[in-house]
Amino acid sequence: MQLRSIFTNSAGILFSRVLGFIRDLLTASILGANIYSDIFFVAFKLPNLFRRIFAEGAFLQTFLPAFIHSKSRSVFSIRTALRFLGLIFALSLLVTLFQNEAAKLLAFGFDAATIELAGPLVAINFYYLDLIFLVTFLSALLQYKEHFATTAFATALLNIALICALLLFQHEDKLTIAYAMSYAVLIGGALQLLAHLIAIKVQKLCPVLLGGFKYLGRKSRRIGSELKTFNKQFLPAMWGNSTAQIAAFIDTWLASFLASGTISYLYYANRVFQLPLALFAIAASVALFPGITKALKNGKETQAQNSLNKTFWILLYLLGFSTLGGFILSEPIVWLLFERGAFNALDTTRTAAVLQMYMLGLLFFGMGKLFSTLLYATKRQGEAAKIASISLLANVGFSLLLILPMGATGLALASSLSGALLLFLTIKAVGFYKLLDIITFKKAVLFCISSAVFAVILLAAKELLDAYL
């Protein structure tokens, strides 16, 4: 069942990424690269950033353990959802009232006329956060039932809505297309919400929601301490989920001091790096989290350890082979994906070198994500945030140390080194015995041999590709 859940999540992520690639191609072709594409990307940037940090990351990791431990799950879930929805809706109204100011915060370099164009689009796009919070809340309930398919595949609905908007309005003026895409973002969010509401009904979770509304006034006092605990855990979880975004921002800022094109090399290489991380590590962690949280809550530590063992070895092979593939075949991968038009052979070589440094950290970040589920499952969000903060500081330190001798590759290597530290500190926090219980000599030798064989195959494939290219 667990293996099925992992690959369900992976299939959903891959489907969405493929549609996202098609969306990007159509956007470049129909909207182009101009002031109108800039204002749409800026407008969508803010809700997307909040979604990644606030809703999908911090909320899920804090809500699900608290929900499982709650004395009155129905009331706790509705009370929490209403409070967060009220806060997010108020924030959306604030952005609507001060849309130009919000646009200026996102794109400080825009002139007054461009800010006037961008403001309304920022306001429209921000309401996507309200919709996606509700989706995240419902997906948490579905994860409790260990149902992942709806959430995994519903993410593609946003890309489908944007693709339809581009095709339907492709002959209109650029500003109209930007508005059409903004409204398509809201339609995509509404479709995701509808898909989750249907899944809630199919999974027979309606009584949880209806019961929460019915007993909201009567049983709210019973969960007062639970809500206080949840609030204390949420802020550290939000910070822990934001450190990766902060690190990426700092890397971009440092890269701006290097030669022209450096930021692009980091961006394109990171896009490739993020694919196996999302397909395997994030998918596996999402699949593991509900089951392991319930097992630990019920005192079934052996069951939790067995689940961790199985997921560890699945992830080790997937991420290990991805690391070898990404490192050895970095140039052919970049050539296949990006080398066309203004992106020339020299850009491919430089992006491939950056990709190799990123790939060195894939196993560290992936396994760190896996073991961090134990911290969140046992409601140790503060400890996870502390580890993320140390990793962020290390990333900055390594970046400053390596940027001058290595340039963009140094920034990517700094990220990988901070990932190694993140994994070490996470395993230390959960206990090294957890890792020792997983690793056996026979399995470790088998992994090393299979990796060596795979590396030889990849090197032979690279020789053939180099001769062809």
Protein backbone atom coordinates (compact mmCIF):
# COMPACT_ATOMS: atom_id res chain seq x y z
CA MET A 1 0.00 0.00 0.00
CA GLN A 2 2.82 2.39 0.92
CA LEU A 3 4.70 1.72 -2.32
CA ARG A 4 1.47 2.32 -4.23
CA SER A 5 0.96 5.63 -2.41
CA ILE A 6 4.50 6.79 -3.21
CA PHE A 7 4.12 6.10 -6.90
CA THR A 8 0.61 7.60 -6.95
CA ASN A 9 2.11 10.85 -5.64
CA SER A 10 5.02 10.59 -8.08
CA ALA A 11 2.70 10.01 -11.04
CA GLY A 12 0.58 13.03 -10.05
CA ILE A 13 3.64 15.26 -9.70
CA LEU A 14 5.06 14.08 -13.03
CA PHE A 15 1.72 14.64 -14.79
CA SER A 16 1.52 18.15 -13.39
CA ARG A 17 5.16 18.95 -14.31
CA VAL A 18 4.61 17.79 -17.91
CA LEU A 19 1.54 20.02 -18.18
CA GLY A 20 3.53 22.81 -16.55
CA PHE A 21 6.19 22.46 -19.24
CA ILE A 22 3.50 22.67 -21.94
CA ARG A 23 2.04 25.71 -20.17
CA ASP A 24 5.46 27.41 -20.15
CA LEU A 25 5.97 26.71 -23.85
CA LEU A 26 2.53 28.16 -24.70
CA THR A 27 3.10 31.17 -22.44
CA ALA A 28 6.40 31.93 -24.15
CA SER A 29 4.83 31.47 -27.58
CA ILE A 30 1.53 33.34 -27.04
CA LEU A 31 2.26 35.92 -24.35
CA GLY A 32 5.97 36.21 -25.11
CA ALA A 33 8.66 37.84 -22.97
CA ASN A 34 7.52 41.42 -22.37
CA ILE A 35 6.04 43.73 -19.78
CA TYR A 36 2.73 41.83 -19.79
CA SER A 37 4.35 38.47 -19.09
CA ASP A 38 6.43 40.16 -16.38
CA ILE A 39 3.39 41.59 -14.58
CA PHE A 40 1.57 38.24 -14.70
CA PHE A 41 4.55 36.34 -13.27
CA VAL A 42 4.96 38.99 -10.58
CA ALA A 43 1.23 38.83 -9.77
CA PHE A 44 1.30 35.04 -9.42
CA LYS A 45 4.55 35.02 -7.46
CA LEU A 46 3.12 36.23 -4.13
CA PRO A 47 0.26 33.72 -3.68
CA ASN A 48 2.48 30.94 -4.99
CA LEU A 49 5.17 31.78 -2.42
CA PHE A 50 2.60 31.92 0.41
CA ARG A 51 1.13 28.62 -0.80
CA ARG A 52 4.47 26.81 -0.68
CA ILE A 53 5.51 28.18 2.71
CA PHE A 54 2.22 28.69 4.54
CA ALA A 55 -0.48 26.36 3.29
CA GLU A 56 1.02 23.21 1.79
CA GLY A 57 4.10 22.93 4.00
CA ALA A 58 3.61 24.34 7.48
CA PHE A 59 -0.13 23.73 7.77
CA LEU A 60 -0.06 20.06 6.74
CA GLN A 61 2.92 19.21 8.93
CA THR A 62 1.34 20.84 11.98
CA PHE A 63 -2.34 20.11 11.44
CA LEU A 64 -2.23 16.37 10.77
CA PRO A 65 -0.43 15.29 14.01
CA ALA A 66 -2.63 17.68 16.03
CA PHE A 67 -5.77 16.33 14.32
CA ILE A 68 -4.77 12.73 15.03
CA HIS A 69 -4.13 13.51 18.73
CA SER A 70 -7.26 15.66 19.19
CA LYS A 71 -10.02 14.70 21.62
CA SER A 72 -12.65 16.16 19.27
CA ARG A 73 -11.32 15.93 15.73
CA SER A 74 -14.40 17.36 14.01
CA VAL A 75 -14.47 20.53 16.10
CA PHE A 76 -10.69 20.94 16.03
CA SER A 77 -10.58 20.68 12.24
CA ILE A 78 -13.43 23.16 11.62
CA ARG A 79 -12.23 25.62 14.26
CA THR A 80 -8.71 25.59 12.81
CA ALA A 81 -9.92 25.88 9.21
CA LEU A 82 -12.23 28.82 9.98
CA ARG A 83 -9.52 30.72 11.83
CA PHE A 84 -6.98 30.32 9.04
CA LEU A 85 -9.49 31.00 6.30
CA GLY A 86 -10.57 34.19 8.05
CA LEU A 87 -6.95 35.32 8.35
CA ILE A 88 -6.15 34.56 4.71
CA PHE A 89 -9.34 36.20 3.44
CA ALA A 90 -8.56 39.33 5.45
CA LEU A 91 -5.06 39.35 3.93
CA SER A 92 -6.58 38.98 0.45
CA LEU A 93 -8.87 41.97 1.08
CA LEU A 94 -5.87 43.96 2.29
CA VAL A 95 -4.00 43.16 -0.93
CA THR A 96 -7.08 44.19 -2.93
CA LEU A 97 -7.30 47.54 -1.12
CA PHE A 98 -3.57 48.19 -1.50
CA GLN A 99 -2.94 46.38 -4.76
CA ASN A 100 -0.45 48.87 -6.17
CA GLU A 101 1.58 48.84 -2.96
CA ALA A 102 1.60 45.01 -3.04
CA ALA A 103 2.76 45.09 -6.66
CA LYS A 104 5.56 47.50 -5.78
CA LEU A 105 6.73 45.24 -2.96
CA LEU A 106 7.05 42.39 -5.46
CA ALA A 107 8.69 44.38 -8.25
CA PHE A 108 10.39 47.42 -6.77
CA GLY A 109 11.98 48.32 -10.09
CA PHE A 110 8.66 48.77 -11.96
CA ASP A 111 7.77 52.33 -12.93
CA ALA A 112 4.45 53.94 -11.91
CA ALA A 113 2.65 53.03 -15.16
CA THR A 114 3.67 49.37 -14.89
CA ILE A 115 2.62 49.27 -11.23
CA GLU A 116 -0.82 50.50 -12.27
CA LEU A 117 -1.07 47.61 -14.75
CA ALA A 118 0.25 45.01 -12.30
CA GLY A 119 -1.85 46.02 -9.26
CA PRO A 120 -5.22 44.56 -10.36
CA LEU A 121 -3.56 41.33 -11.48
CA VAL A 122 -1.85 40.99 -8.09
CA ALA A 123 -5.23 41.38 -6.38
CA ILE A 124 -6.93 38.80 -8.61
CA ASN A 125 -4.18 36.20 -8.26
CA PHE A 126 -3.97 36.54 -4.49
CA TYR A 127 -7.42 35.00 -4.00
CA TYR A 128 -5.89 31.74 -5.27
CA LEU A 129 -4.37 31.43 -1.80
CA ASP A 130 -7.86 31.32 -0.22
CA LEU A 131 -8.89 28.49 -2.52
CA ILE A 132 -5.66 26.55 -2.15
CA PHE A 133 -5.85 26.78 1.65
CA LEU A 134 -9.21 25.02 1.54
CA VAL A 135 -7.68 22.44 -0.81
CA THR A 136 -4.80 21.94 1.64
CA PHE A 137 -7.19 21.55 4.56
CA LEU A 138 -9.28 18.94 2.73
CA SER A 139 -6.16 17.14 1.50
CA ALA A 140 -5.01 16.82 5.13
CA LEU A 141 -8.27 15.02 5.96
CA LEU A 142 -7.80 12.78 2.91
CA GLN A 143 -4.23 12.03 3.97
CA TYR A 144 -5.58 10.94 7.35
CA LYS A 145 -7.55 8.31 5.42
CA GLU A 146 -4.31 7.65 3.44
CA HIS A 147 -5.97 8.71 0.19
CA PHE A 148 -3.40 10.56 -1.96
CA ALA A 149 -4.57 10.22 -5.57
CA THR A 150 -6.92 13.23 -5.58
CA THR A 151 -4.34 15.67 -4.23
CA ALA A 152 -1.57 14.24 -6.42
CA PHE A 153 -3.47 14.63 -9.70
CA ALA A 154 -5.59 17.69 -8.84
CA THR A 155 -2.48 19.88 -8.94
CA ALA A 156 -2.58 19.50 -12.73
CA LEU A 157 -5.94 21.30 -12.90
CA LEU A 158 -4.25 24.69 -12.48
CA ASN A 159 -2.01 24.03 -15.48
CA ILE A 160 -4.99 22.78 -17.52
CA ALA A 161 -6.92 25.98 -16.72
CA LEU A 162 -3.96 28.16 -17.75
CA ILE A 163 -3.41 26.18 -20.97
CA CYS A 164 -7.11 26.61 -21.88
CA ALA A 165 -6.94 30.35 -21.18
CA LEU A 166 -3.89 30.73 -23.40
CA LEU A 167 -5.49 28.82 -26.27
CA LEU A 168 -8.87 30.59 -25.99
CA PHE A 169 -7.43 34.11 -25.79
CA GLN A 170 -4.30 33.69 -27.93
CA HIS A 171 -5.52 36.21 -30.54
CA GLU A 172 -6.40 38.92 -28.01
CA ASP A 173 -4.09 41.76 -26.93
CA LYS A 174 -1.37 40.94 -24.40
CA LEU A 175 -3.05 42.65 -21.43
CA THR A 176 -6.28 40.71 -22.03
CA ILE A 177 -4.26 37.47 -22.13
CA ALA A 178 -2.62 38.39 -18.80
CA TYR A 179 -6.07 38.98 -17.27
CA ALA A 180 -7.38 35.72 -18.76
CA MET A 181 -4.47 33.82 -17.21
CA SER A 182 -5.10 35.48 -13.83
CA TYR A 183 -8.75 34.44 -13.82
CA ALA A 184 -7.65 30.97 -15.01
CA VAL A 185 -5.54 30.73 -11.85
CA LEU A 186 -8.74 31.18 -9.79
CA ILE A 187 -10.63 28.70 -11.98
CA GLY A 188 -7.80 26.18 -11.51
CA GLY A 189 -8.00 26.65 -7.73
CA ALA A 190 -11.79 26.24 -7.78
CA LEU A 191 -11.48 23.04 -9.81
CA GLN A 192 -8.96 21.67 -7.30
CA LEU A 193 -11.37 22.52 -4.49
CA LEU A 194 -14.26 20.80 -6.29
CA ALA A 195 -12.15 17.66 -6.86
CA HIS A 196 -11.32 17.51 -3.15
CA LEU A 197 -14.93 18.04 -2.08
CA ILE A 198 -15.95 15.09 -4.27
CA ALA A 199 -13.16 12.97 -2.75
CA ILE A 200 -14.28 13.97 0.77
CA LYS A 201 -17.75 12.65 -0.02
CA VAL A 202 -16.42 9.42 -1.58
CA GLN A 203 -14.13 8.80 1.41
CA LYS A 204 -17.11 9.38 3.76
CA LEU A 205 -15.48 12.29 5.57
CA CYS A 206 -18.53 14.57 5.38
CA PRO A 207 -19.56 13.67 8.98
CA VAL A 208 -16.23 15.09 10.20
CA LEU A 209 -16.99 18.46 8.59
CA LEU A 210 -20.71 18.52 9.47
CA GLY A 211 -20.04 17.38 13.02
CA GLY A 212 -17.47 20.12 13.45
CA PHE A 213 -20.03 22.80 12.53
CA LYS A 214 -22.75 21.15 14.64
CA TYR A 215 -20.71 20.97 17.85
CA LEU A 216 -18.50 24.03 17.25
CA GLY A 217 -20.05 26.13 20.04
CA ARG A 218 -20.57 23.27 22.48
CA LYS A 219 -17.16 21.57 22.37
CA SER A 220 -14.79 24.43 21.55
CA ARG A 221 -13.63 24.74 25.17
CA ARG A 222 -12.50 21.11 25.16
CA ILE A 223 -9.90 21.84 22.51
CA GLY A 224 -8.62 25.17 23.85
CA SER A 225 -5.25 23.73 24.92
CA GLU A 226 -4.95 21.84 21.62
CA LEU A 227 -5.41 25.06 19.65
CA LYS A 228 -2.77 26.82 21.75
CA THR A 229 -0.31 23.98 21.13
CA PHE A 230 -1.11 24.04 17.42
CA ASN A 231 -0.47 27.80 17.25
CA LYS A 232 2.90 27.42 19.01
CA GLN A 233 3.95 24.67 16.59
CA PHE A 234 2.72 26.39 13.43
CA LEU A 235 5.11 29.36 13.45
CA PRO A 236 8.27 27.20 13.75
CA ALA A 237 6.91 24.93 11.00
CA MET A 238 6.28 27.96 8.77
CA TRP A 239 9.83 29.20 9.36
CA GLY A 240 11.28 25.74 8.73
CA ASN A 241 9.45 25.56 5.39
CA SER A 242 10.58 29.04 4.35
CA THR A 243 14.34 28.54 4.76
CA ALA A 244 14.70 26.84 1.35
CA GLN A 245 12.99 29.84 -0.29
CA ILE A 246 15.24 32.25 1.61
CA ALA A 247 18.33 30.29 0.57
CA ALA A 248 17.25 30.44 -3.08
CA PHE A 249 16.71 34.21 -2.78
CA ILE A 250 20.18 34.70 -1.25
CA ASP A 251 21.76 32.59 -4.01
CA THR A 252 20.04 34.73 -6.65
CA TRP A 253 21.21 37.91 -4.92
CA LEU A 254 24.82 36.67 -4.73
CA ALA A 255 24.70 35.46 -8.34
CA SER A 256 23.71 38.97 -9.44
CA PHE A 257 27.28 40.05 -8.62
CA LEU A 258 28.72 37.47 -11.03
CA ALA A 259 28.86 37.43 -14.83
CA SER A 260 25.72 37.86 -16.90
CA GLY A 261 23.79 34.61 -17.27
CA THR A 262 24.79 33.19 -13.87
CA ILE A 263 21.28 33.56 -12.42
CA SER A 264 19.87 31.71 -15.43
CA TYR A 265 22.37 28.85 -15.02
CA LEU A 266 21.31 28.44 -11.38
CA TYR A 267 17.60 28.64 -12.30
CA TYR A 268 17.69 26.06 -15.10
CA ALA A 269 19.94 23.66 -13.17
CA ASN A 270 17.75 23.93 -10.08
CA ARG A 271 14.64 23.19 -12.16
CA VAL A 272 16.19 19.85 -13.18
CA PHE A 273 17.37 19.13 -9.63
CA GLN A 274 13.91 19.78 -8.17
CA LEU A 275 12.23 17.19 -10.41
CA PRO A 276 13.58 13.98 -8.78
CA LEU A 277 13.38 15.65 -5.37
CA ALA A 278 9.65 16.25 -5.86
CA LEU A 279 8.93 13.00 -7.71
CA PHE A 280 10.57 10.76 -5.14
CA ALA A 281 11.51 12.44 -1.83
CA ILE A 282 8.49 14.69 -1.39
CA ALA A 283 6.11 12.03 -2.75
CA ALA A 284 7.52 9.42 -0.36
CA SER A 285 7.42 11.75 2.65
CA VAL A 286 3.80 12.68 1.98
CA ALA A 287 2.86 9.00 1.69
CA LEU A 288 4.73 8.06 4.88
CA PHE A 289 3.61 10.95 7.11
CA PRO A 290 -0.03 10.01 8.00
CA GLY A 291 0.68 6.34 8.66
CA ILE A 292 3.76 6.97 10.78
CA THR A 293 2.00 9.71 12.78
CA LYS A 294 -0.93 7.40 13.60
CA ALA A 295 1.41 4.52 14.47
CA LEU A 296 3.48 6.63 16.87
CA LYS A 297 0.35 8.10 18.46
CA ASN A 298 -0.97 4.58 19.16
CA GLY A 299 2.37 3.40 20.56
CA LYS A 300 3.12 1.15 17.57
CA GLU A 301 6.80 2.10 17.23
CA THR A 302 7.73 -1.16 15.50
CA GLN A 303 5.14 -0.51 12.80
CA ALA A 304 6.44 3.04 12.36
CA GLN A 305 10.03 1.79 12.11
CA ASN A 306 9.06 -0.84 9.53
CA SER A 307 7.36 1.82 7.41
CA LEU A 308 10.47 3.99 7.66
CA ASN A 309 12.69 1.04 6.71
CA LYS A 310 10.74 0.24 3.53
CA THR A 311 10.54 3.87 2.45
CA PHE A 312 14.25 4.41 3.16
CA TRP A 313 15.40 1.68 0.78
CA ILE A 314 12.93 2.66 -1.94
CA LEU A 315 14.10 6.26 -1.70
CA LEU A 316 17.78 5.34 -1.51
CA TYR A 317 17.66 3.54 -4.84
CA LEU A 318 15.50 6.15 -6.57
CA LEU A 319 17.53 9.12 -5.35
CA GLY A 320 20.87 7.33 -5.66
CA PHE A 321 20.28 6.38 -9.28
CA SER A 322 18.89 9.87 -9.99
CA THR A 323 22.05 11.40 -8.54
CA LEU A 324 24.25 9.26 -10.78
CA GLY A 325 22.09 9.97 -13.81
CA GLY A 326 21.96 13.71 -13.20
CA PHE A 327 25.69 13.98 -12.51
CA ILE A 328 27.00 11.80 -15.34
CA LEU A 329 24.46 12.83 -17.96
CA SER A 330 24.24 16.49 -16.94
CA GLU A 331 25.25 17.88 -20.35
CA PRO A 332 22.91 15.68 -22.45
CA ILE A 333 20.03 16.47 -20.07
CA VAL A 334 20.57 20.23 -20.29
CA TRP A 335 21.09 20.01 -24.06
CA LEU A 336 17.85 18.10 -24.52
CA LEU A 337 15.76 20.38 -22.33
CA PHE A 338 17.13 23.86 -22.98
CA GLU A 339 19.60 24.21 -25.86
CA ARG A 340 17.60 26.01 -28.50
CA GLY A 341 17.27 29.59 -29.70
CA ALA A 342 19.36 31.96 -27.60
CA PHE A 343 20.47 29.16 -25.25
CA ASN A 344 23.73 28.03 -26.88
CA ALA A 345 26.33 25.27 -26.34
CA LEU A 346 28.36 27.37 -23.89
CA ASP A 347 25.22 27.92 -21.79
CA THR A 348 24.65 24.16 -21.80
CA THR A 349 28.19 23.48 -20.55
CA ARG A 350 27.95 26.03 -17.75
CA THR A 351 24.44 24.98 -16.68
CA ALA A 352 25.53 21.31 -16.68
CA ALA A 353 28.44 22.12 -14.34
CA VAL A 354 26.03 23.81 -11.92
CA LEU A 355 23.62 20.87 -12.19
CA GLN A 356 26.38 18.44 -11.21
CA MET A 357 27.00 20.38 -7.98
CA TYR A 358 23.27 20.45 -7.19
CA MET A 359 22.94 16.71 -7.82
CA LEU A 360 25.58 15.99 -5.17
CA GLY A 361 23.04 17.15 -2.61
CA LEU A 362 20.00 15.28 -3.92
CA LEU A 363 20.43 12.28 -1.63
CA PHE A 364 21.07 14.51 1.39
CA PHE A 365 18.00 16.70 0.88
CA GLY A 366 15.80 13.71 0.01
CA MET A 367 16.78 11.68 3.05
CA GLY A 368 16.58 14.78 5.23
CA LYS A 369 12.98 15.19 4.08
CA LEU A 370 12.29 11.55 4.96
CA PHE A 371 13.74 11.64 8.49
CA SER A 372 12.17 15.03 9.24
CA THR A 373 8.76 13.31 9.05
CA LEU A 374 9.63 11.72 12.41
CA LEU A 375 10.14 15.16 13.95
CA TYR A 376 6.85 16.51 12.60
CA ALA A 377 4.97 13.30 13.45
CA THR A 378 6.04 13.65 17.09
CA LYS A 379 5.16 17.38 17.11
CA ARG A 380 8.79 18.59 17.30
CA GLN A 381 8.32 21.42 14.80
CA GLY A 382 10.52 23.78 16.81
CA GLU A 383 13.45 21.37 16.60
CA ALA A 384 12.95 20.96 12.86
CA ALA A 385 12.92 24.75 12.45
CA LYS A 386 16.15 25.07 14.43
CA ILE A 387 17.85 22.50 12.19
CA ALA A 388 16.58 24.30 9.07
CA SER A 389 17.95 27.59 10.43
CA ILE A 390 21.41 26.11 11.04
CA SER A 391 21.38 24.65 7.53
CA LEU A 392 20.42 28.07 6.10
CA LEU A 393 23.28 29.80 7.94
CA ALA A 394 25.68 27.12 6.74
CA ASN A 395 24.44 27.60 3.17
CA VAL A 396 25.18 31.33 3.37
CA GLY A 397 28.62 30.67 4.85
CA PHE A 398 29.57 28.08 2.24
CA SER A 399 28.25 30.36 -0.53
CA LEU A 400 30.43 33.28 0.60
CA LEU A 401 33.40 30.93 0.85
CA LEU A 402 32.95 29.30 -2.57
CA ILE A 403 31.51 32.07 -4.76
CA LEU A 404 34.85 33.68 -5.66
CA PRO A 405 36.86 30.55 -6.56
CA MET A 406 33.99 28.62 -8.17
CA GLY A 407 31.31 31.12 -9.22
CA ALA A 408 27.86 29.64 -9.89
CA THR A 409 29.09 26.08 -9.30
CA GLY A 410 30.27 27.19 -5.86
CA LEU A 411 26.78 28.42 -4.96
CA ALA A 412 25.29 25.08 -6.05
CA LEU A 413 27.95 23.15 -4.11
CA ALA A 414 27.22 25.29 -1.04
CA SER A 415 23.59 24.19 -1.27
CA SER A 416 24.63 20.52 -1.38
CA LEU A 417 26.97 20.91 1.59
CA SER A 418 24.21 22.54 3.62
CA GLY A 419 21.98 19.60 2.64
CA ALA A 420 24.55 17.19 4.09
CA LEU A 421 24.55 19.16 7.35
CA LEU A 422 20.73 19.19 7.35
CA LEU A 423 20.63 15.40 7.03
CA PHE A 424 23.24 14.88 9.77
CA LEU A 425 21.44 17.15 12.25
CA THR A 426 18.04 15.63 11.43
CA ILE A 427 19.28 12.07 11.98
CA LYS A 428 20.99 13.20 15.19
CA ALA A 429 17.69 14.68 16.39
CA VAL A 430 15.64 11.54 15.69
CA GLY A 431 18.43 9.28 16.93
CA PHE A 432 21.27 7.58 15.06
CA TYR A 433 19.90 4.24 16.21
CA LYS A 434 16.99 4.78 13.80
CA LEU A 435 19.45 4.76 10.90
CA LEU A 436 21.42 1.82 12.33
CA ASP A 437 18.19 -0.18 12.64
CA ILE A 438 17.58 0.33 8.92
CA ILE A 439 20.98 -0.33 7.39
CA THR A 440 22.15 -3.92 7.11
CA PHE A 441 25.48 -5.03 5.64
CA LYS A 442 23.90 -7.19 2.94
CA LYS A 443 21.53 -4.44 1.73
CA ALA A 444 24.30 -1.82 1.81
CA VAL A 445 26.63 -4.00 -0.30
CA LEU A 446 23.82 -4.75 -2.77
CA PHE A 447 23.13 -1.02 -3.14
CA CYS A 448 26.82 -0.23 -3.73
CA ILE A 449 27.17 -2.97 -6.37
CA SER A 450 23.97 -2.00 -8.20
CA SER A 451 25.03 1.67 -8.13
CA ALA A 452 28.43 0.82 -9.57
CA VAL A 453 26.83 -1.21 -12.38
CA PHE A 454 24.39 1.62 -13.10
CA ALA A 455 27.26 4.14 -13.18
CA VAL A 456 29.16 2.03 -15.73
CA ILE A 457 26.04 1.83 -17.92
CA LEU A 458 25.58 5.60 -17.69
CA LEU A 459 29.22 6.29 -18.55
CA ALA A 460 28.92 4.06 -21.62
CA ALA A 461 25.71 5.87 -22.59
CA LYS A 462 27.48 9.22 -22.16
CA GLU A 463 30.28 8.13 -24.50
CA LEU A 464 27.73 7.30 -27.18
CA LEU A 465 25.86 10.56 -26.63
CA ASP A 466 29.08 12.61 -26.75
CA ALA A 467 29.96 11.00 -30.04
CA TYR A 468 26.48 11.80 -31.38
CA LEU A 469 26.38 15.36 -30.05
